[in-house]
Amino acid sequence: MSAIINLSVNLENLPKEKFVKGKKGTYYNFTVSVNDETNDYGSNVSAYDSQTKEEREAKKTRNYIGNGKVVWTDGKCTAAMRDDEPQKAQKEVVSASDDLPF
């Protein structure tokens, strides 16, 4: 599966204690979730702080830091489209069997 996702992250929501110093700079680990359904704003992608196993098991509330939408796919997943948006960005997938005479 290939996809291009536009994502906006609110830097003010990033807890400073989760920044990680690396050899080539400072990093921040977050998780990206792609949903099957599009919300009222045309988004189907959410980003939130990566959680440790302990945080997940304790059912700690996720800290959402941004959202976005899938804007292009290779046809194996669906791009986000609002109901009032034209579907020009969505790629039509044609099966190889569609043009066979048998």
Foldseek 3Di string as FASTA:
>chain_A
DDFDKDKDFAPVLDDPVQWDQDPVGIDFDKDKDAAQAADQVQWRIWIWHDDDPVCVVVVPDTRTGITTWTQEDPPPGFTGDHPPGDPPSYDDDDDPCPPDPD
